[in-house]
Amino acid sequence: MPGKAKAPAAKARTGLGTIGDELGSAAQRDRRRRIIDATLALASKGGYDAVQMRAVAEKADVALGTLYRYFPSKIHLLVSGLARQFERAQEKLERAAIPGETPAERLMFVLGRNTRLMQRDPHLTEAMVRAFMFADTSAAAEVELVGRLMEDMFAQAMGIDEPTESDRDIFHVVADVWMANLVAWVTRRASAADVANRLELSVHLLLDK
């Protein structure tokens, strides 16, 4: 089993920082950040239905046509917003060692902390998770980015530098269980305690040997 996780050295950015850099100018990167900030603010106030393209454009102070060039739909906007949230979570993980004596304990710490953070803003969580779960192939790049960020968090928690295919299979199952239970929570089919218990059961079933 992998050793105790340590705070890693700084590494190349993945996620929205890298995507922004590829856009070119500082003005373009700033515009993209404003658009995602506006999306998250609207979703936090009114959930999925509050994120309308015209409202995002107005709040971000960009032309509607410009918004569509960056993000073809609200699904793209919200999944990119979820990637932003996970990127920030990853930055926090890089600042200190993750508590826990075993990979399962450390993974549960990471899942638990991020779940509680998301549950503090139910409207935003409902919007982002709903978009992620129902995204089609047109948003494949954004969905893949979110998946990579989750894998990075899970690998760091478990102390794995180079995940094997078997490790990635575990990451995918954990991610599916996590997102499905967040959907159950935002639709009031599961309590916060239910989510925590199901995640813990899943992690132990997958990792305890």
N, C-alpha and C. Protein backbone atom coordinates (compact mmCIF):
# COMPACT_ATOMS: atom_id res chain seq x y z
N MET A 1 0.85 -1.20 0.00
CA MET A 1 0.00 0.00 0.00
C MET A 1 0.88 1.24 0.00
N PRO A 2 0.45 2.36 -0.59
CA PRO A 2 1.26 3.56 -0.63
C PRO A 2 1.49 4.14 0.75
N GLY A 3 2.58 4.90 0.90
CA GLY A 3 2.91 5.50 2.18
C GLY A 3 2.06 6.70 2.49
N LYS A 4 2.36 7.31 3.61
CA LYS A 4 1.58 8.45 4.06
C LYS A 4 1.75 9.62 3.12
N ALA A 5 0.65 10.27 2.76
CA ALA A 5 0.72 11.36 1.79
C ALA A 5 1.45 12.55 2.37
N LYS A 6 2.27 13.17 1.55
CA LYS A 6 2.98 14.37 1.94
C LYS A 6 2.54 15.53 1.07
N ALA A 7 2.79 16.73 1.57
CA ALA A 7 2.46 17.90 0.76
C ALA A 7 3.40 17.91 -0.44
N PRO A 8 2.86 17.87 -1.67
CA PRO A 8 3.71 17.78 -2.85
C PRO A 8 4.32 19.10 -3.21
N ALA A 9 5.39 19.02 -3.98
CA ALA A 9 6.01 20.23 -4.50
C ALA A 9 5.10 20.84 -5.55
N ALA A 10 5.32 22.11 -5.83
CA ALA A 10 4.52 22.78 -6.85
C ALA A 10 4.67 22.07 -8.17
N LYS A 11 3.56 21.97 -8.93
CA LYS A 11 3.62 21.28 -10.20
C LYS A 11 2.89 22.08 -11.25
N ALA A 12 3.02 21.64 -12.46
CA ALA A 12 2.40 22.36 -13.56
C ALA A 12 0.90 22.41 -13.36
N ARG A 13 0.30 23.53 -13.69
CA ARG A 13 -1.12 23.71 -13.50
C ARG A 13 -1.90 22.82 -14.44
N THR A 14 -2.96 22.23 -13.92
CA THR A 14 -3.94 21.58 -14.76
C THR A 14 -5.21 22.38 -14.61
N GLY A 15 -6.15 22.15 -15.49
CA GLY A 15 -7.45 22.77 -15.31
C GLY A 15 -7.54 24.15 -15.90
N LEU A 16 -8.33 25.00 -15.23
CA LEU A 16 -8.70 26.27 -15.83
C LEU A 16 -7.54 27.20 -16.00
N GLY A 17 -6.52 27.12 -15.13
CA GLY A 17 -5.37 27.97 -15.31
C GLY A 17 -4.69 27.68 -16.62
N THR A 18 -4.50 26.43 -16.95
CA THR A 18 -3.85 26.05 -18.19
C THR A 18 -4.72 26.41 -19.38
N ILE A 19 -6.01 26.12 -19.29
CA ILE A 19 -6.90 26.47 -20.39
C ILE A 19 -6.84 27.97 -20.65
N GLY A 20 -6.87 28.76 -19.55
CA GLY A 20 -6.82 30.21 -19.71
C GLY A 20 -5.54 30.66 -20.39
N ASP A 21 -4.41 30.05 -20.01
CA ASP A 21 -3.14 30.42 -20.61
C ASP A 21 -3.16 30.18 -22.11
N GLU A 22 -3.85 29.12 -22.53
CA GLU A 22 -3.88 28.79 -23.94
C GLU A 22 -4.74 29.75 -24.74
N LEU A 23 -5.55 30.55 -24.08
CA LEU A 23 -6.42 31.47 -24.79
C LEU A 23 -5.64 32.64 -25.39
N GLY A 24 -4.46 32.91 -24.89
CA GLY A 24 -3.64 33.96 -25.49
C GLY A 24 -3.44 35.14 -24.57
N SER A 25 -4.15 36.23 -24.84
CA SER A 25 -3.87 37.49 -24.17
C SER A 25 -4.39 37.51 -22.74
N ALA A 26 -3.83 38.44 -21.96
CA ALA A 26 -4.30 38.63 -20.59
C ALA A 26 -5.76 39.04 -20.57
N ALA A 27 -6.17 39.84 -21.56
CA ALA A 27 -7.57 40.27 -21.64
C ALA A 27 -8.50 39.09 -21.85
N GLN A 28 -8.09 38.14 -22.68
CA GLN A 28 -8.91 36.94 -22.90
C GLN A 28 -9.01 36.09 -21.65
N ARG A 29 -7.90 35.95 -20.95
CA ARG A 29 -7.91 35.16 -19.71
C ARG A 29 -8.80 35.83 -18.67
N ASP A 30 -8.71 37.14 -18.58
CA ASP A 30 -9.55 37.87 -17.63
C ASP A 30 -11.03 37.74 -17.99
N ARG A 31 -11.33 37.79 -19.28
CA ARG A 31 -12.72 37.66 -19.73
C ARG A 31 -13.27 36.29 -19.35
N ARG A 32 -12.48 35.26 -19.55
CA ARG A 32 -12.92 33.91 -19.21
C ARG A 32 -13.18 33.79 -17.70
N ARG A 33 -12.29 34.35 -16.91
CA ARG A 33 -12.47 34.29 -15.45
C ARG A 33 -13.74 35.04 -15.03
N ARG A 34 -13.98 36.19 -15.64
CA ARG A 34 -15.19 36.95 -15.31
C ARG A 34 -16.45 36.16 -15.66
N ILE A 35 -16.41 35.48 -16.77
CA ILE A 35 -17.57 34.69 -17.20
C ILE A 35 -17.85 33.57 -16.19
N ILE A 36 -16.82 32.86 -15.78
CA ILE A 36 -17.02 31.77 -14.82
C ILE A 36 -17.43 32.33 -13.47
N ASP A 37 -16.83 33.44 -13.05
CA ASP A 37 -17.25 34.07 -11.79
C ASP A 37 -18.73 34.43 -11.83
N ALA A 38 -19.17 34.99 -12.95
CA ALA A 38 -20.58 35.37 -13.09
C ALA A 38 -21.48 34.14 -13.04
N THR A 39 -21.06 33.07 -13.69
CA THR A 39 -21.82 31.83 -13.69
C THR A 39 -21.99 31.29 -12.28
N LEU A 40 -20.90 31.24 -11.53
CA LEU A 40 -20.95 30.71 -10.17
C LEU A 40 -21.83 31.59 -9.28
N ALA A 41 -21.74 32.90 -9.46
CA ALA A 41 -22.54 33.81 -8.64
C ALA A 41 -24.04 33.62 -8.92
N LEU A 42 -24.41 33.51 -10.18
CA LEU A 42 -25.82 33.31 -10.52
C LEU A 42 -26.32 31.95 -10.03
N ALA A 43 -25.50 30.92 -10.19
CA ALA A 43 -25.90 29.59 -9.73
C ALA A 43 -26.04 29.55 -8.22
N SER A 44 -25.16 30.23 -7.52
CA SER A 44 -25.21 30.26 -6.06
C SER A 44 -26.49 30.90 -5.56
N LYS A 45 -26.99 31.86 -6.32
CA LYS A 45 -28.20 32.57 -5.90
C LYS A 45 -29.48 31.81 -6.28
N GLY A 46 -29.48 31.19 -7.46
CA GLY A 46 -30.73 30.60 -7.92
C GLY A 46 -30.66 29.21 -8.51
N GLY A 47 -29.52 28.55 -8.42
CA GLY A 47 -29.41 27.20 -8.93
C GLY A 47 -29.29 27.13 -10.45
N TYR A 48 -29.53 25.94 -10.97
CA TYR A 48 -29.34 25.66 -12.40
C TYR A 48 -30.16 26.59 -13.28
N ASP A 49 -31.41 26.79 -12.93
CA ASP A 49 -32.30 27.58 -13.78
C ASP A 49 -31.92 29.05 -13.84
N ALA A 50 -31.18 29.52 -12.84
CA ALA A 50 -30.79 30.94 -12.81
C ALA A 50 -29.64 31.24 -13.78
N VAL A 51 -28.97 30.22 -14.25
CA VAL A 51 -27.84 30.43 -15.16
C VAL A 51 -28.38 30.48 -16.59
N GLN A 52 -28.67 31.68 -17.04
CA GLN A 52 -29.11 31.94 -18.41
C GLN A 52 -28.00 32.69 -19.14
N MET A 53 -27.81 32.35 -20.40
CA MET A 53 -26.67 32.90 -21.14
C MET A 53 -26.68 34.43 -21.16
N ARG A 54 -27.82 35.03 -21.39
CA ARG A 54 -27.88 36.50 -21.43
C ARG A 54 -27.54 37.10 -20.05
N ALA A 55 -28.03 36.47 -18.99
CA ALA A 55 -27.75 36.97 -17.64
C ALA A 55 -26.26 36.85 -17.33
N VAL A 56 -25.64 35.75 -17.74
CA VAL A 56 -24.19 35.58 -17.52
C VAL A 56 -23.43 36.65 -18.28
N ALA A 57 -23.80 36.88 -19.54
CA ALA A 57 -23.11 37.89 -20.35
C ALA A 57 -23.20 39.27 -19.71
N GLU A 58 -24.40 39.61 -19.23
CA GLU A 58 -24.58 40.92 -18.61
C GLU A 58 -23.75 41.05 -17.33
N LYS A 59 -23.77 40.02 -16.51
CA LYS A 59 -23.06 40.07 -15.24
C LYS A 59 -21.54 40.09 -15.45
N ALA A 60 -21.08 39.39 -16.48
CA ALA A 60 -19.64 39.34 -16.78
C ALA A 60 -19.18 40.52 -17.62
N ASP A 61 -20.15 41.34 -18.08
CA ASP A 61 -19.85 42.51 -18.92
C ASP A 61 -19.16 42.11 -20.23
N VAL A 62 -19.74 41.11 -20.88
CA VAL A 62 -19.26 40.70 -22.20
C VAL A 62 -20.46 40.63 -23.14
N ALA A 63 -20.19 40.73 -24.44
CA ALA A 63 -21.26 40.60 -25.42
C ALA A 63 -21.74 39.15 -25.45
N LEU A 64 -23.02 38.98 -25.76
CA LEU A 64 -23.58 37.63 -25.79
C LEU A 64 -22.85 36.75 -26.80
N GLY A 65 -22.53 37.32 -27.95
CA GLY A 65 -21.81 36.55 -28.96
C GLY A 65 -20.43 36.11 -28.46
N THR A 66 -19.79 36.98 -27.70
CA THR A 66 -18.48 36.63 -27.12
C THR A 66 -18.62 35.47 -26.15
N LEU A 67 -19.66 35.51 -25.31
CA LEU A 67 -19.89 34.42 -24.37
C LEU A 67 -20.04 33.10 -25.10
N TYR A 68 -20.82 33.07 -26.17
CA TYR A 68 -21.03 31.84 -26.91
C TYR A 68 -19.76 31.33 -27.57
N ARG A 69 -18.84 32.24 -27.90
CA ARG A 69 -17.57 31.78 -28.47
C ARG A 69 -16.72 31.06 -27.43
N TYR A 70 -16.83 31.49 -26.19
CA TYR A 70 -16.08 30.84 -25.11
C TYR A 70 -16.79 29.59 -24.61
N PHE A 71 -18.10 29.68 -24.44
CA PHE A 71 -18.89 28.59 -23.86
C PHE A 71 -20.18 28.43 -24.66
N PRO A 72 -20.34 27.34 -25.39
CA PRO A 72 -21.52 27.18 -26.26
C PRO A 72 -22.85 27.02 -25.53
N SER A 73 -22.82 26.66 -24.24
CA SER A 73 -24.08 26.44 -23.52
C SER A 73 -23.85 26.59 -22.02
N LYS A 74 -24.96 26.61 -21.28
CA LYS A 74 -24.87 26.68 -19.82
C LYS A 74 -24.24 25.43 -19.24
N ILE A 75 -24.38 24.29 -19.92
CA ILE A 75 -23.72 23.08 -19.45
C ILE A 75 -22.21 23.29 -19.45
N HIS A 76 -21.68 23.84 -20.54
CA HIS A 76 -20.24 24.12 -20.61
C HIS A 76 -19.82 25.09 -19.51
N LEU A 77 -20.64 26.08 -19.27
CA LEU A 77 -20.35 27.07 -18.22
C LEU A 77 -20.26 26.40 -16.85
N LEU A 78 -21.27 25.62 -16.52
CA LEU A 78 -21.35 25.06 -15.18
C LEU A 78 -20.34 23.95 -14.93
N VAL A 79 -20.05 23.14 -15.94
CA VAL A 79 -19.03 22.12 -15.77
C VAL A 79 -17.66 22.78 -15.62
N SER A 80 -17.44 23.87 -16.35
CA SER A 80 -16.19 24.62 -16.17
C SER A 80 -16.14 25.24 -14.78
N GLY A 81 -17.28 25.65 -14.26
CA GLY A 81 -17.33 26.16 -12.90
C GLY A 81 -16.99 25.08 -11.89
N LEU A 82 -17.46 23.86 -12.12
CA LEU A 82 -17.12 22.75 -11.24
C LEU A 82 -15.61 22.48 -11.28
N ALA A 83 -15.03 22.57 -12.47
CA ALA A 83 -13.58 22.40 -12.58
C ALA A 83 -12.86 23.48 -11.79
N ARG A 84 -13.35 24.71 -11.84
CA ARG A 84 -12.76 25.80 -11.05
C ARG A 84 -12.78 25.44 -9.57
N GLN A 85 -13.91 24.94 -9.08
CA GLN A 85 -14.02 24.59 -7.67
C GLN A 85 -13.05 23.48 -7.28
N PHE A 86 -12.92 22.48 -8.14
CA PHE A 86 -12.00 21.38 -7.83
C PHE A 86 -10.54 21.83 -7.94
N GLU A 87 -10.27 22.75 -8.83
CA GLU A 87 -8.91 23.27 -8.92
C GLU A 87 -8.53 24.00 -7.64
N ARG A 88 -9.47 24.76 -7.09
CA ARG A 88 -9.20 25.45 -5.82
C ARG A 88 -9.04 24.44 -4.68
N ALA A 89 -9.82 23.39 -4.71
CA ALA A 89 -9.68 22.34 -3.68
C ALA A 89 -8.31 21.69 -3.77
N GLN A 90 -7.84 21.46 -5.00
CA GLN A 90 -6.52 20.87 -5.19
C GLN A 90 -5.43 21.79 -4.66
N GLU A 91 -5.57 23.08 -4.85
CA GLU A 91 -4.59 24.04 -4.33
C GLU A 91 -4.50 23.96 -2.82
N LYS A 92 -5.65 23.79 -2.16
CA LYS A 92 -5.65 23.67 -0.70
C LYS A 92 -4.94 22.40 -0.25
N LEU A 93 -5.14 21.32 -0.99
CA LEU A 93 -4.49 20.06 -0.63
C LEU A 93 -2.97 20.15 -0.73
N GLU A 94 -2.48 21.01 -1.61
CA GLU A 94 -1.05 21.11 -1.85
C GLU A 94 -0.32 21.88 -0.74
N ARG A 95 -1.07 22.48 0.17
CA ARG A 95 -0.45 23.33 1.19
C ARG A 95 0.00 22.58 2.43
N ALA A 96 -0.50 21.36 2.64
CA ALA A 96 -0.16 20.64 3.88
C ALA A 96 -0.40 19.15 3.68
N ALA A 97 0.17 18.37 4.61
CA ALA A 97 -0.06 16.93 4.58
C ALA A 97 -1.53 16.63 4.84
N ILE A 98 -2.04 15.58 4.21
CA ILE A 98 -3.44 15.18 4.38
C ILE A 98 -3.54 14.25 5.59
N PRO A 99 -4.43 14.53 6.54
CA PRO A 99 -4.54 13.68 7.73
C PRO A 99 -4.99 12.26 7.38
N GLY A 100 -4.53 11.30 8.19
CA GLY A 100 -4.96 9.91 8.01
C GLY A 100 -3.78 8.97 7.95
N GLU A 101 -3.95 7.81 8.53
CA GLU A 101 -2.88 6.82 8.57
C GLU A 101 -2.89 5.87 7.38
N THR A 102 -4.03 5.75 6.72
CA THR A 102 -4.15 4.82 5.59
C THR A 102 -4.67 5.58 4.37
N PRO A 103 -4.50 5.00 3.17
CA PRO A 103 -5.07 5.64 1.98
C PRO A 103 -6.57 5.85 2.09
N ALA A 104 -7.29 4.86 2.67
CA ALA A 104 -8.73 5.00 2.81
C ALA A 104 -9.09 6.18 3.72
N GLU A 105 -8.37 6.34 4.82
CA GLU A 105 -8.65 7.44 5.75
C GLU A 105 -8.38 8.79 5.08
N ARG A 106 -7.28 8.86 4.32
CA ARG A 106 -6.94 10.13 3.68
C ARG A 106 -7.93 10.46 2.55
N LEU A 107 -8.35 9.43 1.82
CA LEU A 107 -9.33 9.66 0.77
C LEU A 107 -10.65 10.11 1.36
N MET A 108 -11.04 9.52 2.49
CA MET A 108 -12.29 9.94 3.13
C MET A 108 -12.19 11.36 3.64
N PHE A 109 -11.01 11.77 4.11
CA PHE A 109 -10.83 13.14 4.54
C PHE A 109 -11.07 14.10 3.38
N VAL A 110 -10.47 13.80 2.24
CA VAL A 110 -10.60 14.68 1.06
C VAL A 110 -12.05 14.71 0.58
N LEU A 111 -12.68 13.56 0.49
CA LEU A 111 -14.08 13.51 0.07
C LEU A 111 -14.98 14.24 1.06
N GLY A 112 -14.75 14.00 2.34
CA GLY A 112 -15.59 14.62 3.35
C GLY A 112 -15.48 16.13 3.36
N ARG A 113 -14.24 16.62 3.26
CA ARG A 113 -14.06 18.08 3.29
C ARG A 113 -14.71 18.73 2.07
N ASN A 114 -14.50 18.15 0.90
CA ASN A 114 -15.08 18.75 -0.30
C ASN A 114 -16.59 18.62 -0.33
N THR A 115 -17.11 17.52 0.17
CA THR A 115 -18.56 17.36 0.23
C THR A 115 -19.18 18.41 1.14
N ARG A 116 -18.59 18.61 2.31
CA ARG A 116 -19.13 19.61 3.24
C ARG A 116 -19.07 21.01 2.64
N LEU A 117 -17.99 21.33 1.95
CA LEU A 117 -17.89 22.64 1.30
C LEU A 117 -19.00 22.82 0.27
N MET A 118 -19.25 21.78 -0.52
CA MET A 118 -20.29 21.88 -1.54
C MET A 118 -21.68 21.96 -0.92
N GLN A 119 -21.88 21.28 0.20
CA GLN A 119 -23.19 21.30 0.84
C GLN A 119 -23.50 22.63 1.50
N ARG A 120 -22.49 23.46 1.69
CA ARG A 120 -22.73 24.80 2.25
C ARG A 120 -23.40 25.72 1.23
N ASP A 121 -23.33 25.37 -0.04
CA ASP A 121 -23.93 26.20 -1.09
C ASP A 121 -24.79 25.29 -1.97
N PRO A 122 -25.97 24.90 -1.47
CA PRO A 122 -26.77 23.89 -2.18
C PRO A 122 -27.21 24.30 -3.58
N HIS A 123 -27.52 25.58 -3.79
CA HIS A 123 -27.93 26.02 -5.12
C HIS A 123 -26.80 25.85 -6.13
N LEU A 124 -25.61 26.27 -5.74
CA LEU A 124 -24.46 26.14 -6.62
C LEU A 124 -24.14 24.67 -6.89
N THR A 125 -24.16 23.87 -5.84
CA THR A 125 -23.86 22.45 -6.00
C THR A 125 -24.88 21.77 -6.90
N GLU A 126 -26.15 22.09 -6.71
CA GLU A 126 -27.20 21.53 -7.57
C GLU A 126 -26.94 21.85 -9.02
N ALA A 127 -26.57 23.10 -9.29
CA ALA A 127 -26.35 23.52 -10.68
C ALA A 127 -25.15 22.82 -11.30
N MET A 128 -24.03 22.79 -10.58
CA MET A 128 -22.81 22.21 -11.14
C MET A 128 -22.93 20.70 -11.31
N VAL A 129 -23.45 20.02 -10.30
CA VAL A 129 -23.55 18.56 -10.37
C VAL A 129 -24.57 18.14 -11.42
N ARG A 130 -25.67 18.86 -11.49
CA ARG A 130 -26.69 18.56 -12.51
C ARG A 130 -26.09 18.69 -13.91
N ALA A 131 -25.34 19.76 -14.13
CA ALA A 131 -24.71 19.96 -15.44
C ALA A 131 -23.71 18.85 -15.74
N PHE A 132 -22.92 18.49 -14.74
CA PHE A 132 -21.90 17.45 -14.94
C PHE A 132 -22.53 16.10 -15.26
N MET A 133 -23.58 15.74 -14.53
CA MET A 133 -24.19 14.43 -14.70
C MET A 133 -24.92 14.30 -16.03
N PHE A 134 -25.41 15.41 -16.58
CA PHE A 134 -26.21 15.34 -17.79
C PHE A 134 -25.52 15.96 -19.01
N ALA A 135 -24.23 16.24 -18.90
CA ALA A 135 -23.48 16.77 -20.03
C ALA A 135 -23.39 15.73 -21.14
N ASP A 136 -23.52 16.19 -22.40
CA ASP A 136 -23.38 15.26 -23.52
C ASP A 136 -21.98 15.38 -24.12
N THR A 137 -21.78 14.75 -25.26
CA THR A 137 -20.43 14.70 -25.85
C THR A 137 -19.92 16.07 -26.28
N SER A 138 -20.80 17.03 -26.45
CA SER A 138 -20.33 18.37 -26.84
C SER A 138 -19.50 19.02 -25.73
N ALA A 139 -19.70 18.56 -24.50
CA ALA A 139 -18.94 19.09 -23.36
C ALA A 139 -17.91 18.08 -22.87
N ALA A 140 -17.47 17.20 -23.77
CA ALA A 140 -16.55 16.13 -23.38
C ALA A 140 -15.25 16.67 -22.80
N ALA A 141 -14.73 17.75 -23.36
CA ALA A 141 -13.46 18.30 -22.87
C ALA A 141 -13.60 18.81 -21.44
N GLU A 142 -14.71 19.49 -21.16
CA GLU A 142 -14.93 20.03 -19.81
C GLU A 142 -15.15 18.89 -18.80
N VAL A 143 -15.91 17.89 -19.20
CA VAL A 143 -16.15 16.74 -18.32
C VAL A 143 -14.85 15.99 -18.05
N GLU A 144 -14.04 15.83 -19.09
CA GLU A 144 -12.76 15.14 -18.92
C GLU A 144 -11.86 15.90 -17.97
N LEU A 145 -11.88 17.22 -18.06
CA LEU A 145 -11.07 18.03 -17.15
C LEU A 145 -11.49 17.84 -15.70
N VAL A 146 -12.80 17.85 -15.45
CA VAL A 146 -13.29 17.61 -14.09
C VAL A 146 -12.85 16.23 -13.61
N GLY A 147 -12.94 15.25 -14.47
CA GLY A 147 -12.52 13.91 -14.11
C GLY A 147 -11.04 13.85 -13.76
N ARG A 148 -10.20 14.55 -14.53
CA ARG A 148 -8.77 14.56 -14.24
C ARG A 148 -8.48 15.23 -12.91
N LEU A 149 -9.20 16.30 -12.61
CA LEU A 149 -8.99 16.98 -11.34
C LEU A 149 -9.40 16.11 -10.16
N MET A 150 -10.49 15.36 -10.31
CA MET A 150 -10.88 14.44 -9.25
C MET A 150 -9.83 13.34 -9.09
N GLU A 151 -9.35 12.81 -10.19
CA GLU A 151 -8.31 11.78 -10.12
C GLU A 151 -7.07 12.30 -9.41
N ASP A 152 -6.68 13.55 -9.73
CA ASP A 152 -5.50 14.14 -9.09
C ASP A 152 -5.69 14.22 -7.58
N MET A 153 -6.88 14.65 -7.15
CA MET A 153 -7.15 14.75 -5.71
C MET A 153 -7.10 13.38 -5.05
N PHE A 154 -7.71 12.40 -5.69
CA PHE A 154 -7.75 11.06 -5.11
C PHE A 154 -6.35 10.45 -5.04
N ALA A 155 -5.58 10.63 -6.11
CA ALA A 155 -4.21 10.08 -6.13
C ALA A 155 -3.35 10.72 -5.05
N GLN A 156 -3.50 12.04 -4.88
CA GLN A 156 -2.73 12.72 -3.85
C GLN A 156 -3.12 12.21 -2.47
N ALA A 157 -4.42 12.04 -2.24
CA ALA A 157 -4.88 11.55 -0.94
C ALA A 157 -4.32 10.17 -0.64
N MET A 158 -4.23 9.32 -1.65
CA MET A 158 -3.79 7.95 -1.46
C MET A 158 -2.28 7.80 -1.54
N GLY A 159 -1.58 8.89 -1.81
CA GLY A 159 -0.13 8.83 -1.89
C GLY A 159 0.38 8.12 -3.12
N ILE A 160 -0.34 8.24 -4.22
CA ILE A 160 0.03 7.57 -5.47
C ILE A 160 0.58 8.59 -6.45
N ASP A 161 1.84 8.44 -6.83
CA ASP A 161 2.46 9.37 -7.78
C ASP A 161 2.12 9.02 -9.22
N GLU A 162 2.10 7.73 -9.53
CA GLU A 162 1.83 7.28 -10.90
C GLU A 162 0.73 6.22 -10.86
N PRO A 163 -0.53 6.64 -10.98
CA PRO A 163 -1.64 5.69 -10.87
C PRO A 163 -1.61 4.62 -11.97
N THR A 164 -1.91 3.39 -11.59
CA THR A 164 -2.05 2.30 -12.54
C THR A 164 -3.48 2.30 -13.09
N GLU A 165 -3.73 1.42 -14.06
CA GLU A 165 -5.09 1.30 -14.58
C GLU A 165 -6.05 0.87 -13.48
N SER A 166 -5.58 0.00 -12.61
CA SER A 166 -6.41 -0.45 -11.49
C SER A 166 -6.74 0.72 -10.56
N ASP A 167 -5.74 1.57 -10.29
CA ASP A 167 -5.98 2.75 -9.46
C ASP A 167 -7.02 3.65 -10.11
N ARG A 168 -6.89 3.86 -11.42
CA ARG A 168 -7.83 4.74 -12.12
C ARG A 168 -9.24 4.16 -12.12
N ASP A 169 -9.35 2.85 -12.19
CA ASP A 169 -10.67 2.23 -12.10
C ASP A 169 -11.31 2.55 -10.75
N ILE A 170 -10.51 2.49 -9.69
CA ILE A 170 -11.01 2.84 -8.35
C ILE A 170 -11.42 4.31 -8.31
N PHE A 171 -10.59 5.19 -8.86
CA PHE A 171 -10.92 6.62 -8.88
C PHE A 171 -12.26 6.85 -9.58
N HIS A 172 -12.47 6.16 -10.70
CA HIS A 172 -13.70 6.36 -11.47
C HIS A 172 -14.93 5.92 -10.67
N VAL A 173 -14.81 4.80 -9.98
CA VAL A 173 -15.94 4.32 -9.17
C VAL A 173 -16.23 5.30 -8.04
N VAL A 174 -15.19 5.76 -7.36
CA VAL A 174 -15.37 6.71 -6.26
C VAL A 174 -16.02 7.99 -6.79
N ALA A 175 -15.54 8.49 -7.93
CA ALA A 175 -16.11 9.71 -8.50
C ALA A 175 -17.58 9.52 -8.85
N ASP A 176 -17.92 8.37 -9.44
CA ASP A 176 -19.32 8.10 -9.79
C ASP A 176 -20.21 8.04 -8.55
N VAL A 177 -19.72 7.36 -7.51
CA VAL A 177 -20.49 7.27 -6.27
C VAL A 177 -20.66 8.65 -5.65
N TRP A 178 -19.60 9.44 -5.66
CA TRP A 178 -19.64 10.79 -5.08
C TRP A 178 -20.65 11.67 -5.79
N MET A 179 -20.56 11.74 -7.13
CA MET A 179 -21.46 12.60 -7.88
C MET A 179 -22.91 12.12 -7.77
N ALA A 180 -23.12 10.81 -7.82
CA ALA A 180 -24.48 10.29 -7.72
C ALA A 180 -25.11 10.62 -6.37
N ASN A 181 -24.32 10.57 -5.32
CA ASN A 181 -24.85 10.87 -3.99
C ASN A 181 -25.05 12.36 -3.77
N LEU A 182 -24.24 13.18 -4.44
CA LEU A 182 -24.50 14.61 -4.38
C LEU A 182 -25.82 14.94 -5.09
N VAL A 183 -26.09 14.25 -6.21
CA VAL A 183 -27.37 14.42 -6.88
C VAL A 183 -28.51 14.01 -5.94
N ALA A 184 -28.34 12.88 -5.27
CA ALA A 184 -29.37 12.43 -4.32
C ALA A 184 -29.57 13.44 -3.21
N TRP A 185 -28.48 14.09 -2.77
CA TRP A 185 -28.59 15.08 -1.69
C TRP A 185 -29.31 16.34 -2.17
N VAL A 186 -28.94 16.86 -3.36
CA VAL A 186 -29.57 18.10 -3.81
C VAL A 186 -31.03 17.89 -4.18
N THR A 187 -31.41 16.66 -4.50
CA THR A 187 -32.81 16.37 -4.81
C THR A 187 -33.57 15.86 -3.59
N ARG A 188 -32.93 15.94 -2.42
CA ARG A 188 -33.53 15.58 -1.13
C ARG A 188 -33.90 14.10 -1.04
N ARG A 189 -33.20 13.27 -1.78
CA ARG A 189 -33.41 11.83 -1.67
C ARG A 189 -32.41 11.19 -0.71
N ALA A 190 -31.46 11.99 -0.23
CA ALA A 190 -30.47 11.51 0.73
C ALA A 190 -30.07 12.67 1.62
N SER A 191 -29.81 12.37 2.88
CA SER A 191 -29.34 13.39 3.82
C SER A 191 -27.82 13.52 3.71
N ALA A 192 -27.29 14.55 4.35
CA ALA A 192 -25.83 14.70 4.39
C ALA A 192 -25.18 13.49 5.04
N ALA A 193 -25.82 12.97 6.09
CA ALA A 193 -25.29 11.78 6.76
C ALA A 193 -25.32 10.57 5.83
N ASP A 194 -26.39 10.45 5.03
CA ASP A 194 -26.47 9.34 4.08
C ASP A 194 -25.30 9.40 3.09
N VAL A 195 -25.02 10.59 2.59
CA VAL A 195 -23.92 10.76 1.62
C VAL A 195 -22.60 10.34 2.25
N ALA A 196 -22.35 10.82 3.46
CA ALA A 196 -21.10 10.48 4.14
C ALA A 196 -20.98 8.97 4.37
N ASN A 197 -22.07 8.34 4.80
CA ASN A 197 -22.04 6.91 5.08
C ASN A 197 -21.81 6.09 3.81
N ARG A 198 -22.45 6.49 2.72
CA ARG A 198 -22.30 5.75 1.46
C ARG A 198 -20.89 5.90 0.90
N LEU A 199 -20.33 7.10 1.03
CA LEU A 199 -18.96 7.30 0.57
C LEU A 199 -17.99 6.45 1.38
N GLU A 200 -18.17 6.45 2.69
CA GLU A 200 -17.28 5.68 3.55
C GLU A 200 -17.38 4.19 3.23
N LEU A 201 -18.58 3.70 3.05
CA LEU A 201 -18.76 2.29 2.71
C LEU A 201 -18.08 1.96 1.39
N SER A 202 -18.27 2.82 0.41
CA SER A 202 -17.68 2.57 -0.91
C SER A 202 -16.16 2.57 -0.84
N VAL A 203 -15.60 3.54 -0.16
CA VAL A 203 -14.14 3.62 -0.05
C VAL A 203 -13.58 2.39 0.62
N HIS A 204 -14.20 1.95 1.71
CA HIS A 204 -13.68 0.78 2.42
C HIS A 204 -13.84 -0.50 1.60
N LEU A 205 -14.94 -0.63 0.87
CA LEU A 205 -15.13 -1.79 0.03
C LEU A 205 -14.07 -1.86 -1.07
N LEU A 206 -13.69 -0.68 -1.59
CA LEU A 206 -12.73 -0.64 -2.68
C LEU A 206 -11.28 -0.75 -2.22
N LEU A 207 -10.98 -0.22 -1.03
CA LEU A 207 -9.56 -0.12 -0.61
C LEU A 207 -9.14 -1.09 0.45
N ASP A 208 -10.07 -1.54 1.30
CA ASP A 208 -9.67 -2.45 2.38
C ASP A 208 -9.40 -3.84 1.80
N LYS A 209 -8.21 -4.31 2.01
CA LYS A 209 -7.81 -5.61 1.44
C LYS A 209 -7.57 -6.60 2.57
